[in-house]
């Protein structure tokens, strides 16, 4: 992906994601959940787009929206 986006804003966001992904997982989780403008911008320029198929994406969303007791197998 970096080979296609070597300049401009896309390169800046990819470099920032690379830095985050090379660091502690807590930093990644903070960006994925934070309401601050920088985190929102990073999420809008995510390198993860297209990683999951639509079916996989729907499964993740369904699991996320399910009550914790159902996801954990306790009903």
C-alpha atoms as a PDB file:
ATOM      1  CA  UNK A   1       0.000   0.000   0.000  1.00  0.00           C
ATOM      2  CA  UNK A   2       2.829   2.411   0.787  1.00  0.00           C
ATOM      3  CA  UNK A   3       4.306   1.854  -2.670  1.00  0.00           C
ATOM      4  CA  UNK A   4       1.130   3.313  -4.203  1.00  0.00           C
ATOM      5  CA  UNK A   5       0.916   6.253  -1.764  1.00  0.00           C
ATOM      6  CA  UNK A   6       4.386   7.703  -1.429  1.00  0.00           C
ATOM      7  CA  UNK A   7       3.403  11.375  -1.115  1.00  0.00           C
ATOM      8  CA  UNK A   8       0.752  13.618   0.357  1.00  0.00           C
ATOM      9  CA  UNK A   9      -1.864  12.983   3.006  1.00  0.00           C
ATOM     10  CA  UNK A  10      -2.211   9.254   2.307  1.00  0.00           C
ATOM     11  CA  UNK A  11       1.503   8.742   2.934  1.00  0.00           C
ATOM     12  CA  UNK A  12       1.246  10.701   6.175  1.00  0.00           C
ATOM     13  CA  UNK A  13      -1.657   8.600   7.484  1.00  0.00           C
ATOM     14  CA  UNK A  14       0.031   5.340   6.454  1.00  0.00           C
ATOM     15  CA  UNK A  15       3.222   6.391   8.248  1.00  0.00           C
ATOM     16  CA  UNK A  16       1.212   7.211  11.364  1.00  0.00           C
ATOM     17  CA  UNK A  17      -0.551   3.822  11.256  1.00  0.00           C
ATOM     18  CA  UNK A  18       2.804   2.070  10.760  1.00  0.00           C
ATOM     19  CA  UNK A  19       4.166   3.851  13.835  1.00  0.00           C
ATOM     20  CA  UNK A  20       1.099   2.882  15.869  1.00  0.00           C
ATOM     21  CA  UNK A  21       1.168  -0.744  14.744  1.00  0.00           C
ATOM     22  CA  UNK A  22       4.852  -1.020  15.648  1.00  0.00           C
ATOM     23  CA  UNK A  23       4.103   0.201  19.160  1.00  0.00           C
ATOM     24  CA  UNK A  24       2.115  -1.039  22.129  1.00  0.00           C
ATOM     25  CA  UNK A  25      -1.317  -2.498  21.444  1.00  0.00           C
ATOM     26  CA  UNK A  26      -2.754  -0.026  23.968  1.00  0.00           C
ATOM     27  CA  UNK A  27      -1.888   2.839  21.602  1.00  0.00           C
ATOM     28  CA  UNK A  28      -3.780   1.153  18.762  1.00  0.00           C
ATOM     29  CA  UNK A  29      -6.779   0.497  20.998  1.00  0.00           C
ATOM     30  CA  UNK A  30      -6.746   4.121  22.124  1.00  0.00           C
ATOM     31  CA  UNK A  31      -6.908   5.345  18.513  1.00  0.00           C
ATOM     32  CA  UNK A  32      -9.664   2.873  17.666  1.00  0.00           C
ATOM     33  CA  UNK A  33     -11.843   4.045  20.562  1.00  0.00           C
ATOM     34  CA  UNK A  34     -10.956   7.686  21.156  1.00  0.00           C
ATOM     35  CA  UNK A  35     -13.311  10.534  20.195  1.00  0.00           C
ATOM     36  CA  UNK A  36     -10.479  13.067  19.716  1.00  0.00           C
ATOM     37  CA  UNK A  37     -10.042  14.596  16.229  1.00  0.00           C
ATOM     38  CA  UNK A  38      -6.671  12.908  15.512  1.00  0.00           C
ATOM     39  CA  UNK A  39      -8.123   9.465  16.278  1.00  0.00           C
ATOM     40  CA  UNK A  40     -11.181  10.164  14.104  1.00  0.00           C
ATOM     41  CA  UNK A  41      -8.906  11.224  11.236  1.00  0.00           C
ATOM     42  CA  UNK A  42      -6.830   8.065  11.582  1.00  0.00           C
ATOM     43  CA  UNK A  43      -9.961   5.896  11.556  1.00  0.00           C
ATOM     44  CA  UNK A  44     -11.177   7.694   8.421  1.00  0.00           C
ATOM     45  CA  UNK A  45      -7.838   6.838   6.781  1.00  0.00           C
ATOM     46  CA  UNK A  46      -7.529   3.275   7.976  1.00  0.00           C
ATOM     47  CA  UNK A  47      -5.195   0.818   6.248  1.00  0.00           C
ATOM     48  CA  UNK A  48      -7.625  -1.953   7.275  1.00  0.00           C
ATOM     49  CA  UNK A  49     -10.292  -1.192   4.674  1.00  0.00           C
ATOM     50  CA  UNK A  50     -10.988  -4.283   2.604  1.00  0.00           C
ATOM     51  CA  UNK A  51      -9.197  -6.707   4.943  1.00  0.00           C
ATOM     52  CA  UNK A  52     -12.438  -8.470   5.862  1.00  0.00           C
ATOM     53  CA  UNK A  53     -14.964  -9.787   3.392  1.00  0.00           C
ATOM     54  CA  UNK A  54     -18.458  -8.331   3.721  1.00  0.00           C
ATOM     55  CA  UNK A  55     -19.611 -11.563   5.375  1.00  0.00           C
ATOM     56  CA  UNK A  56     -16.780 -11.411   7.928  1.00  0.00           C
ATOM     57  CA  UNK A  57     -17.496  -7.738   8.568  1.00  0.00           C
ATOM     58  CA  UNK A  58     -21.169  -8.489   9.237  1.00  0.00           C
ATOM     59  CA  UNK A  59     -20.189 -11.286  11.648  1.00  0.00           C
ATOM     60  CA  UNK A  60     -17.929  -8.925  13.587  1.00  0.00           C
ATOM     61  CA  UNK A  61     -20.646  -6.281  13.761  1.00  0.00           C
ATOM     62  CA  UNK A  62     -23.204  -8.851  14.927  1.00  0.00           C
ATOM     63  CA  UNK A  63     -20.835 -10.127  17.615  1.00  0.00           C
ATOM     64  CA  UNK A  64     -20.095  -6.585  18.732  1.00  0.00           C
ATOM     65  CA  UNK A  65     -23.796  -5.772  19.018  1.00  0.00           C
ATOM     66  CA  UNK A  66     -24.685  -9.045  20.771  1.00  0.00           C
ATOM     67  CA  UNK A  67     -25.044  -9.076  24.563  1.00  0.00           C
ATOM     68  CA  UNK A  68     -21.827 -10.117  26.315  1.00  0.00           C
ATOM     69  CA  UNK A  69     -23.456 -13.257  27.736  1.00  0.00           C
ATOM     70  CA  UNK A  70     -24.348 -14.502  24.241  1.00  0.00           C
ATOM     71  CA  UNK A  71     -20.876 -13.822  22.812  1.00  0.00           C
ATOM     72  CA  UNK A  72     -19.201 -15.587  25.716  1.00  0.00           C
ATOM     73  CA  UNK A  73     -21.405 -18.626  25.217  1.00  0.00           C
ATOM     74  CA  UNK A  74     -23.368 -18.116  28.410  1.00  0.00           C
ATOM     75  CA  UNK A  75     -27.037 -17.668  27.793  1.00  0.00           C
END
